[in-house]
Amino acid sequence: MDRIMDAALQGILVIDKPLGMTSMRAVERVRRALGGAKAGHAGTLDPLATGVLIVAIGRATKQIPFLMGLEKRYETEIDLSATTATLDTEGERVPAACDGPPPSREQVLAALESFRGTFAQAPPAFSAIKIQGRRAYDLARKGDAVEPQPRDVTVHALDLLDYAWPVARLSIRCAKGFYVRSLARDLALRLGTLGHCLSIRRTAIGPYDLSMAMPLKDDPQGLEQAIRPFSPPADSR
């Protein structure tokens, strides 16, 4: 792709990121398919999470901070009978020692009340948070003790979609910086058990939802046609 064509490519792609792929790998595939066009994503999805990933192209990359600040929506399945080091299915499963009956639906609903509004949340040990200049996941993979400091997060809505022990299925509407995997850990602890995410799917970033998302393909023409013009509100510049 020549410089003139590359300069003409600008806007955003709404991708449905597949399972097992890093967000940066998804961006690299878009960049390569578009002949090396400048590109960046607006909000990391874990490799084992799927769903809406916004990829900014060309001059639209300058608006990534604005896009990252948009609220997010997720659906997740949480296994309340075990945990893993990664708080998802990548790590080795460690069952909870449950002496009594499993939490009831009413107990789960009551526990969810604590995770609405603004509250302190500690990111997972396996996360991109920096600790003394190093990524937490790099330290955790080396076996170092990793305890990211809690920080305030905001949850606008949190609903129980289904519950059949040990799996609770939730929908979440939250602000930037919230970790779904941390919710699995903390909800389980509040219920006196252990938890991790079986699945995480991001269903929307701001107004961009799954109905707008395209599968990730190495198809230059299809990708170019899917690029959406983007201009942030005037008061956000």
C-alpha atoms as a PDB file:
ATOM      1  CA  MET A   1       0.000   0.000   0.000  1.00  0.00           C
ATOM      2  CA  ASP A   2       1.475   3.352  -1.001  1.00  0.00           C
ATOM      3  CA  ARG A   3       1.735   6.439   1.196  1.00  0.00           C
ATOM      4  CA  ILE A   4      -1.252   8.179  -0.401  1.00  0.00           C
ATOM      5  CA  MET A   5      -3.572   5.224   0.213  1.00  0.00           C
ATOM      6  CA  ASP A   6      -2.197   4.758   3.722  1.00  0.00           C
ATOM      7  CA  ALA A   7      -2.826   8.437   4.572  1.00  0.00           C
ATOM      8  CA  ALA A   8      -6.416   8.137   3.343  1.00  0.00           C
ATOM      9  CA  LEU A   9      -7.179   5.321   5.818  1.00  0.00           C
ATOM     10  CA  GLN A  10      -8.568   6.755   9.026  1.00  0.00           C
ATOM     11  CA  GLY A  11     -11.426   5.939  11.352  1.00  0.00           C
ATOM     12  CA  ILE A  12     -12.253   2.979  13.575  1.00  0.00           C
ATOM     13  CA  LEU A  13     -12.857  -0.714  13.107  1.00  0.00           C
ATOM     14  CA  VAL A  14     -15.156  -2.526  15.528  1.00  0.00           C
ATOM     15  CA  ILE A  15     -13.760  -6.049  15.789  1.00  0.00           C
ATOM     16  CA  ASP A  16     -15.190  -9.135  17.492  1.00  0.00           C
ATOM     17  CA  LYS A  17     -11.920 -10.360  19.000  1.00  0.00           C
ATOM     18  CA  PRO A  18     -11.653 -14.161  18.924  1.00  0.00           C
ATOM     19  CA  LEU A  19     -10.810 -16.381  21.872  1.00  0.00           C
ATOM     20  CA  GLY A  20      -7.113 -16.934  22.557  1.00  0.00           C
ATOM     21  CA  MET A  21      -5.752 -13.853  20.775  1.00  0.00           C
ATOM     22  CA  THR A  22      -4.136 -10.876  22.487  1.00  0.00           C
ATOM     23  CA  SER A  23      -5.476  -7.430  21.679  1.00  0.00           C
ATOM     24  CA  MET A  24      -2.087  -6.395  20.295  1.00  0.00           C
ATOM     25  CA  ARG A  25      -2.035  -9.434  18.013  1.00  0.00           C
ATOM     26  CA  ALA A  26      -5.447  -8.387  16.679  1.00  0.00           C
ATOM     27  CA  VAL A  27      -4.089  -4.894  15.971  1.00  0.00           C
ATOM     28  CA  GLU A  28      -1.039  -6.379  14.237  1.00  0.00           C
ATOM     29  CA  ARG A  29      -3.268  -8.420  11.940  1.00  0.00           C
ATOM     30  CA  VAL A  30      -5.309  -5.341  11.041  1.00  0.00           C
ATOM     31  CA  ARG A  31      -2.165  -3.295  10.467  1.00  0.00           C
ATOM     32  CA  ARG A  32      -0.635  -5.956   8.233  1.00  0.00           C
ATOM     33  CA  ALA A  33      -3.844  -6.471   6.236  1.00  0.00           C
ATOM     34  CA  LEU A  34      -4.050  -2.711   5.634  1.00  0.00           C
ATOM     35  CA  GLY A  35      -0.489  -2.544   4.335  1.00  0.00           C
ATOM     36  CA  GLY A  36       1.156  -1.199   7.464  1.00  0.00           C
ATOM     37  CA  ALA A  37      -1.403   1.512   8.251  1.00  0.00           C
ATOM     38  CA  LYS A  38      -1.019   3.165  11.658  1.00  0.00           C
ATOM     39  CA  ALA A  39      -3.325   1.403  14.140  1.00  0.00           C
ATOM     40  CA  GLY A  40      -3.933   0.961  17.863  1.00  0.00           C
ATOM     41  CA  HIS A  41      -6.639  -0.482  20.098  1.00  0.00           C
ATOM     42  CA  ALA A  42      -8.848   1.361  22.571  1.00  0.00           C
ATOM     43  CA  GLY A  43      -8.918  -0.925  25.590  1.00  0.00           C
ATOM     44  CA  THR A  44      -7.248  -4.297  26.136  1.00  0.00           C
ATOM     45  CA  LEU A  45      -9.221  -7.526  26.140  1.00  0.00           C
ATOM     46  CA  ASP A  46      -7.595 -10.527  27.826  1.00  0.00           C
ATOM     47  CA  PRO A  47      -6.560 -13.340  25.459  1.00  0.00           C
ATOM     48  CA  LEU A  48      -9.296 -15.567  26.925  1.00  0.00           C
ATOM     49  CA  ALA A  49     -11.922 -12.827  26.571  1.00  0.00           C
ATOM     50  CA  THR A  50     -13.879 -12.214  23.382  1.00  0.00           C
ATOM     51  CA  GLY A  51     -15.998  -9.426  21.967  1.00  0.00           C
ATOM     52  CA  VAL A  52     -15.838  -5.768  21.072  1.00  0.00           C
ATOM     53  CA  LEU A  53     -12.363  -4.397  20.399  1.00  0.00           C
ATOM     54  CA  ILE A  54     -12.098  -0.950  18.816  1.00  0.00           C
ATOM     55  CA  VAL A  55      -9.109  -0.534  16.523  1.00  0.00           C
ATOM     56  CA  ALA A  56      -8.316   3.073  15.583  1.00  0.00           C
ATOM     57  CA  ILE A  57      -6.759   3.647  12.155  1.00  0.00           C
ATOM     58  CA  GLY A  58      -4.576   6.529  10.933  1.00  0.00           C
ATOM     59  CA  ARG A  59      -5.259   9.923  12.497  1.00  0.00           C
ATOM     60  CA  ALA A  60      -8.074   8.388  14.556  1.00  0.00           C
ATOM     61  CA  THR A  61      -5.359   6.884  16.791  1.00  0.00           C
ATOM     62  CA  LYS A  62      -5.108  10.343  18.388  1.00  0.00           C
ATOM     63  CA  GLN A  63      -8.601   9.726  19.814  1.00  0.00           C
ATOM     64  CA  ILE A  64      -7.708   6.468  21.576  1.00  0.00           C
ATOM     65  CA  PRO A  65      -7.691   8.119  25.054  1.00  0.00           C
ATOM     66  CA  PHE A  66     -11.259   9.335  24.455  1.00  0.00           C
ATOM     67  CA  LEU A  67     -12.401   5.926  23.208  1.00  0.00           C
ATOM     68  CA  MET A  68     -10.778   4.196  26.174  1.00  0.00           C
ATOM     69  CA  GLY A  69     -12.790   6.415  28.511  1.00  0.00           C
ATOM     70  CA  LEU A  70     -16.139   5.195  27.178  1.00  0.00           C
ATOM     71  CA  GLU A  71     -18.164   2.893  29.407  1.00  0.00           C
ATOM     72  CA  LYS A  72     -17.925  -0.851  28.790  1.00  0.00           C
ATOM     73  CA  ARG A  73     -20.427  -3.703  28.906  1.00  0.00           C
ATOM     74  CA  TYR A  74     -19.579  -7.323  29.617  1.00  0.00           C
ATOM     75  CA  GLU A  75     -21.169 -10.695  30.155  1.00  0.00           C
ATOM     76  CA  THR A  76     -19.284 -13.249  32.195  1.00  0.00           C
ATOM     77  CA  GLU A  77     -19.677 -16.734  33.626  1.00  0.00           C
ATOM     78  CA  ILE A  78     -18.113 -17.167  37.056  1.00  0.00           C
ATOM     79  CA  ASP A  79     -17.306 -20.552  38.588  1.00  0.00           C
ATOM     80  CA  LEU A  80     -17.814 -20.098  42.332  1.00  0.00           C
ATOM     81  CA  SER A  81     -16.378 -23.483  43.290  1.00  0.00           C
ATOM     82  CA  ALA A  82     -12.682 -22.931  42.448  1.00  0.00           C
ATOM     83  CA  THR A  83     -10.019 -20.369  41.626  1.00  0.00           C
ATOM     84  CA  THR A  84      -6.891 -20.172  39.468  1.00  0.00           C
ATOM     85  CA  ALA A  85      -3.760 -18.015  39.646  1.00  0.00           C
ATOM     86  CA  THR A  86      -4.882 -16.123  36.540  1.00  0.00           C
ATOM     87  CA  LEU A  87      -8.544 -15.880  37.654  1.00  0.00           C
ATOM     88  CA  ASP A  88      -9.613 -17.423  34.344  1.00  0.00           C
ATOM     89  CA  THR A  89      -9.347 -20.862  32.737  1.00  0.00           C
ATOM     90  CA  GLU A  90      -5.675 -20.445  31.780  1.00  0.00           C
ATOM     91  CA  GLY A  91      -4.445 -21.298  35.262  1.00  0.00           C
ATOM     92  CA  GLU A  92      -4.599 -24.563  37.181  1.00  0.00           C
ATOM     93  CA  ARG A  93      -7.932 -25.042  38.944  1.00  0.00           C
ATOM     94  CA  VAL A  94      -7.815 -24.966  42.761  1.00  0.00           C
ATOM     95  CA  PRO A  95     -11.123 -26.138  44.312  1.00  0.00           C
ATOM     96  CA  ALA A  96     -12.639 -24.334  47.260  1.00  0.00           C
ATOM     97  CA  ALA A  97     -13.005 -26.183  50.545  1.00  0.00           C
ATOM     98  CA  CYS A  98     -16.764 -25.861  51.096  1.00  0.00           C
ATOM     99  CA  ASP A  99     -17.970 -27.268  54.417  1.00  0.00           C
ATOM    100  CA  GLY A 100     -21.569 -26.130  54.130  1.00  0.00           C
ATOM    101  CA  PRO A 101     -24.209 -25.801  51.445  1.00  0.00           C
ATOM    102  CA  PRO A 102     -23.384 -23.727  48.351  1.00  0.00           C
ATOM    103  CA  PRO A 103     -24.521 -20.086  48.258  1.00  0.00           C
ATOM    104  CA  SER A 104     -28.175 -19.639  47.383  1.00  0.00           C
ATOM    105  CA  ARG A 105     -29.432 -17.362  44.611  1.00  0.00           C
ATOM    106  CA  GLU A 106     -30.570 -14.908  47.286  1.00  0.00           C
ATOM    107  CA  GLN A 107     -27.091 -14.865  48.828  1.00  0.00           C
ATOM    108  CA  VAL A 108     -25.494 -14.205  45.445  1.00  0.00           C
ATOM    109  CA  LEU A 109     -27.933 -11.356  44.783  1.00  0.00           C
ATOM    110  CA  ALA A 110     -27.179  -9.845  48.195  1.00  0.00           C
ATOM    111  CA  ALA A 111     -23.414 -10.127  47.649  1.00  0.00           C
ATOM    112  CA  LEU A 112     -23.653  -8.354  44.282  1.00  0.00           C
ATOM    113  CA  GLU A 113     -24.926  -5.223  46.058  1.00  0.00           C
ATOM    114  CA  SER A 114     -21.377  -4.584  47.286  1.00  0.00           C
ATOM    115  CA  PHE A 115     -20.072  -4.296  43.730  1.00  0.00           C
ATOM    116  CA  ARG A 116     -22.290  -1.513  42.437  1.00  0.00           C
ATOM    117  CA  GLY A 117     -21.260   2.132  42.454  1.00  0.00           C
ATOM    118  CA  THR A 118     -17.682   3.242  43.146  1.00  0.00           C
ATOM    119  CA  PHE A 119     -15.442   1.033  45.283  1.00  0.00           C
ATOM    120  CA  ALA A 120     -11.816  -0.074  45.624  1.00  0.00           C
ATOM    121  CA  GLN A 121     -10.747  -3.039  43.512  1.00  0.00           C
ATOM    122  CA  ALA A 122      -7.335  -4.742  43.353  1.00  0.00           C
ATOM    123  CA  PRO A 123      -6.324  -5.697  39.792  1.00  0.00           C
ATOM    124  CA  PRO A 124      -5.416  -9.350  39.187  1.00  0.00           C
ATOM    125  CA  ALA A 125      -1.802 -10.414  39.699  1.00  0.00           C
ATOM    126  CA  PHE A 126      -1.793 -11.463  36.047  1.00  0.00           C
ATOM    127  CA  SER A 127      -2.557  -8.034  34.551  1.00  0.00           C
ATOM    128  CA  ALA A 128      -0.797  -5.265  32.642  1.00  0.00           C
ATOM    129  CA  ILE A 129      -0.619  -3.032  35.714  1.00  0.00           C
ATOM    130  CA  LYS A 130       2.923  -1.767  36.289  1.00  0.00           C
ATOM    131  CA  ILE A 131       4.654  -2.457  39.608  1.00  0.00           C
ATOM    132  CA  GLN A 132       7.952  -0.594  39.995  1.00  0.00           C
ATOM    133  CA  GLY A 133       8.124  -0.178  36.249  1.00  0.00           C
ATOM    134  CA  ARG A 134       7.396  -3.808  35.366  1.00  0.00           C
ATOM    135  CA  ARG A 135       4.187  -5.455  34.166  1.00  0.00           C
ATOM    136  CA  ALA A 136       2.472  -7.426  36.911  1.00  0.00           C
ATOM    137  CA  TYR A 137       2.014 -10.457  34.655  1.00  0.00           C
ATOM    138  CA  ASP A 138       5.757 -10.610  33.960  1.00  0.00           C
ATOM    139  CA  LEU A 139       6.474 -10.707  37.685  1.00  0.00           C
ATOM    140  CA  ALA A 140       3.697 -13.231  38.349  1.00  0.00           C
ATOM    141  CA  ARG A 141       4.945 -15.589  35.631  1.00  0.00           C
ATOM    142  CA  LYS A 142       8.374 -15.586  37.304  1.00  0.00           C
ATOM    143  CA  GLY A 143       6.765 -16.684  40.543  1.00  0.00           C
ATOM    144  CA  ASP A 144       7.234 -13.367  42.337  1.00  0.00           C
ATOM    145  CA  ALA A 145       4.635 -12.336  44.896  1.00  0.00           C
ATOM    146  CA  VAL A 146       2.435  -9.768  43.138  1.00  0.00           C
ATOM    147  CA  GLU A 147      -0.097  -7.616  44.966  1.00  0.00           C
ATOM    148  CA  PRO A 148      -1.321  -4.722  42.787  1.00  0.00           C
ATOM    149  CA  GLN A 149      -2.652  -1.846  44.873  1.00  0.00           C
ATOM    150  CA  PRO A 150      -6.434  -1.391  44.944  1.00  0.00           C
ATOM    151  CA  ARG A 151      -7.842   1.529  42.982  1.00  0.00           C
ATOM    152  CA  ASP A 152     -11.306   3.009  42.654  1.00  0.00           C
ATOM    153  CA  VAL A 153     -13.539   1.567  39.937  1.00  0.00           C
ATOM    154  CA  THR A 154     -17.156   2.313  39.063  1.00  0.00           C
ATOM    155  CA  VAL A 155     -19.912  -0.138  38.174  1.00  0.00           C
ATOM    156  CA  HIS A 156     -23.077   1.442  36.805  1.00  0.00           C
ATOM    157  CA  ALA A 157     -25.116  -1.770  36.560  1.00  0.00           C
ATOM    158  CA  LEU A 158     -24.554  -5.372  37.647  1.00  0.00           C
ATOM    159  CA  ASP A 159     -27.219  -8.026  37.068  1.00  0.00           C
ATOM    160  CA  LEU A 160     -27.480 -11.731  37.717  1.00  0.00           C
ATOM    161  CA  LEU A 161     -28.654 -13.310  34.459  1.00  0.00           C
ATOM    162  CA  ASP A 162     -28.603 -16.913  35.638  1.00  0.00           C
ATOM    163  CA  TYR A 163     -27.374 -18.998  38.555  1.00  0.00           C
ATOM    164  CA  ALA A 164     -27.028 -22.747  38.864  1.00  0.00           C
ATOM    165  CA  TRP A 165     -24.329 -23.761  41.325  1.00  0.00           C
ATOM    166  CA  PRO A 166     -21.448 -23.344  40.809  1.00  0.00           C
ATOM    167  CA  VAL A 167     -21.852 -20.984  37.827  1.00  0.00           C
ATOM    168  CA  ALA A 168     -23.225 -17.429  38.029  1.00  0.00           C
ATOM    169  CA  ARG A 169     -23.778 -15.562  34.755  1.00  0.00           C
ATOM    170  CA  LEU A 170     -23.616 -11.777  35.094  1.00  0.00           C
ATOM    171  CA  SER A 171     -24.000  -8.679  32.952  1.00  0.00           C
ATOM    172  CA  ILE A 172     -21.870  -5.649  33.825  1.00  0.00           C
ATOM    173  CA  ARG A 173     -21.880  -1.998  32.777  1.00  0.00           C
ATOM    174  CA  CYS A 174     -18.785  -0.251  34.081  1.00  0.00           C
ATOM    175  CA  ALA A 175     -16.306   2.587  33.667  1.00  0.00           C
ATOM    176  CA  LYS A 176     -12.681   2.357  32.563  1.00  0.00           C
ATOM    177  CA  GLY A 177     -10.296   0.343  34.745  1.00  0.00           C
ATOM    178  CA  PHE A 178     -12.690  -2.343  36.001  1.00  0.00           C
ATOM    179  CA  TYR A 179     -11.455  -5.958  35.966  1.00  0.00           C
ATOM    180  CA  VAL A 180     -14.062  -8.672  35.456  1.00  0.00           C
ATOM    181  CA  ARG A 181     -11.608 -11.306  36.739  1.00  0.00           C
ATOM    182  CA  SER A 182     -11.222  -9.370  39.991  1.00  0.00           C
ATOM    183  CA  LEU A 183     -15.000  -9.371  40.385  1.00  0.00           C
ATOM    184  CA  ALA A 184     -14.970 -13.180  40.156  1.00  0.00           C
ATOM    185  CA  ARG A 185     -12.360 -13.337  42.924  1.00  0.00           C
ATOM    186  CA  ASP A 186     -14.017 -10.790  45.187  1.00  0.00           C
ATOM    187  CA  LEU A 187     -17.608 -12.004  44.748  1.00  0.00           C
ATOM    188  CA  ALA A 188     -16.551 -15.531  45.641  1.00  0.00           C
ATOM    189  CA  LEU A 189     -14.652 -14.350  48.726  1.00  0.00           C
ATOM    190  CA  ARG A 190     -17.710 -12.439  49.906  1.00  0.00           C
ATOM    191  CA  LEU A 191     -19.679 -15.673  49.582  1.00  0.00           C
ATOM    192  CA  GLY A 192     -17.067 -17.646  51.514  1.00  0.00           C
ATOM    193  CA  THR A 193     -15.730 -19.561  48.540  1.00  0.00           C
ATOM    194  CA  LEU A 194     -13.296 -19.196  45.620  1.00  0.00           C
ATOM    195  CA  GLY A 195     -14.015 -18.057  42.076  1.00  0.00           C
ATOM    196  CA  HIS A 196     -12.694 -17.489  38.576  1.00  0.00           C
ATOM    197  CA  CYS A 197     -14.089 -16.555  35.176  1.00  0.00           C
ATOM    198  CA  LEU A 198     -15.088 -19.318  32.803  1.00  0.00           C
ATOM    199  CA  SER A 199     -15.789 -16.772  30.079  1.00  0.00           C
ATOM    200  CA  ILE A 200     -15.699 -13.012  29.511  1.00  0.00           C
ATOM    201  CA  ARG A 201     -17.369 -11.345  26.552  1.00  0.00           C
ATOM    202  CA  ARG A 202     -17.306  -7.584  26.000  1.00  0.00           C
ATOM    203  CA  THR A 203     -20.609  -6.688  24.424  1.00  0.00           C
ATOM    204  CA  ALA A 204     -20.108  -2.938  23.960  1.00  0.00           C
ATOM    205  CA  ILE A 205     -17.773   0.033  24.275  1.00  0.00           C
ATOM    206  CA  GLY A 206     -19.880   3.182  24.470  1.00  0.00           C
ATOM    207  CA  PRO A 207     -22.295   3.083  21.492  1.00  0.00           C
ATOM    208  CA  TYR A 208     -20.247   0.420  19.660  1.00  0.00           C
ATOM    209  CA  ASP A 209     -21.746  -3.012  20.311  1.00  0.00           C
ATOM    210  CA  LEU A 210     -21.568  -6.543  18.952  1.00  0.00           C
ATOM    211  CA  SER A 211     -24.130  -5.799  16.247  1.00  0.00           C
ATOM    212  CA  MET A 212     -21.491  -3.520  14.673  1.00  0.00           C
ATOM    213  CA  ALA A 213     -18.548  -5.869  15.208  1.00  0.00           C
ATOM    214  CA  MET A 214     -16.973  -7.841  12.379  1.00  0.00           C
ATOM    215  CA  PRO A 215     -14.970 -11.065  12.613  1.00  0.00           C
ATOM    216  CA  LEU A 216     -11.236 -10.504  12.350  1.00  0.00           C
ATOM    217  CA  LYS A 217     -10.194 -11.325   8.783  1.00  0.00           C
ATOM    218  CA  ASP A 218      -7.069 -10.870   6.679  1.00  0.00           C
ATOM    219  CA  ASP A 219      -9.126  -9.188   3.968  1.00  0.00           C
ATOM    220  CA  PRO A 220      -7.829  -5.718   3.046  1.00  0.00           C
ATOM    221  CA  GLN A 221     -10.883  -4.751   0.986  1.00  0.00           C
ATOM    222  CA  GLY A 222     -13.340  -5.976   3.621  1.00  0.00           C
ATOM    223  CA  LEU A 223     -11.453  -4.175   6.384  1.00  0.00           C
ATOM    224  CA  GLU A 224     -11.251  -0.916   4.432  1.00  0.00           C
ATOM    225  CA  GLN A 225     -14.991  -1.024   3.761  1.00  0.00           C
ATOM    226  CA  ALA A 226     -15.683  -1.616   7.461  1.00  0.00           C
ATOM    227  CA  ILE A 227     -13.722   1.430   8.677  1.00  0.00           C
ATOM    228  CA  ARG A 228     -16.129   3.870  10.318  1.00  0.00           C
ATOM    229  CA  PRO A 229     -15.547   7.633  10.317  1.00  0.00           C
ATOM    230  CA  PHE A 230     -14.953   8.922  13.828  1.00  0.00           C
ATOM    231  CA  SER A 231     -14.995  12.377  15.372  1.00  0.00           C
ATOM    232  CA  PRO A 232     -15.238  12.811  19.157  1.00  0.00           C
ATOM    233  CA  PRO A 233     -17.636  15.367  20.652  1.00  0.00           C
ATOM    234  CA  ALA A 234     -16.235  18.896  20.429  1.00  0.00           C
ATOM    235  CA  ASP A 235     -15.984  19.246  24.215  1.00  0.00           C
ATOM    236  CA  SER A 236     -13.764  16.140  24.461  1.00  0.00           C
ATOM    237  CA  ARG A 237     -10.919  17.498  22.341  1.00  0.00           C
END
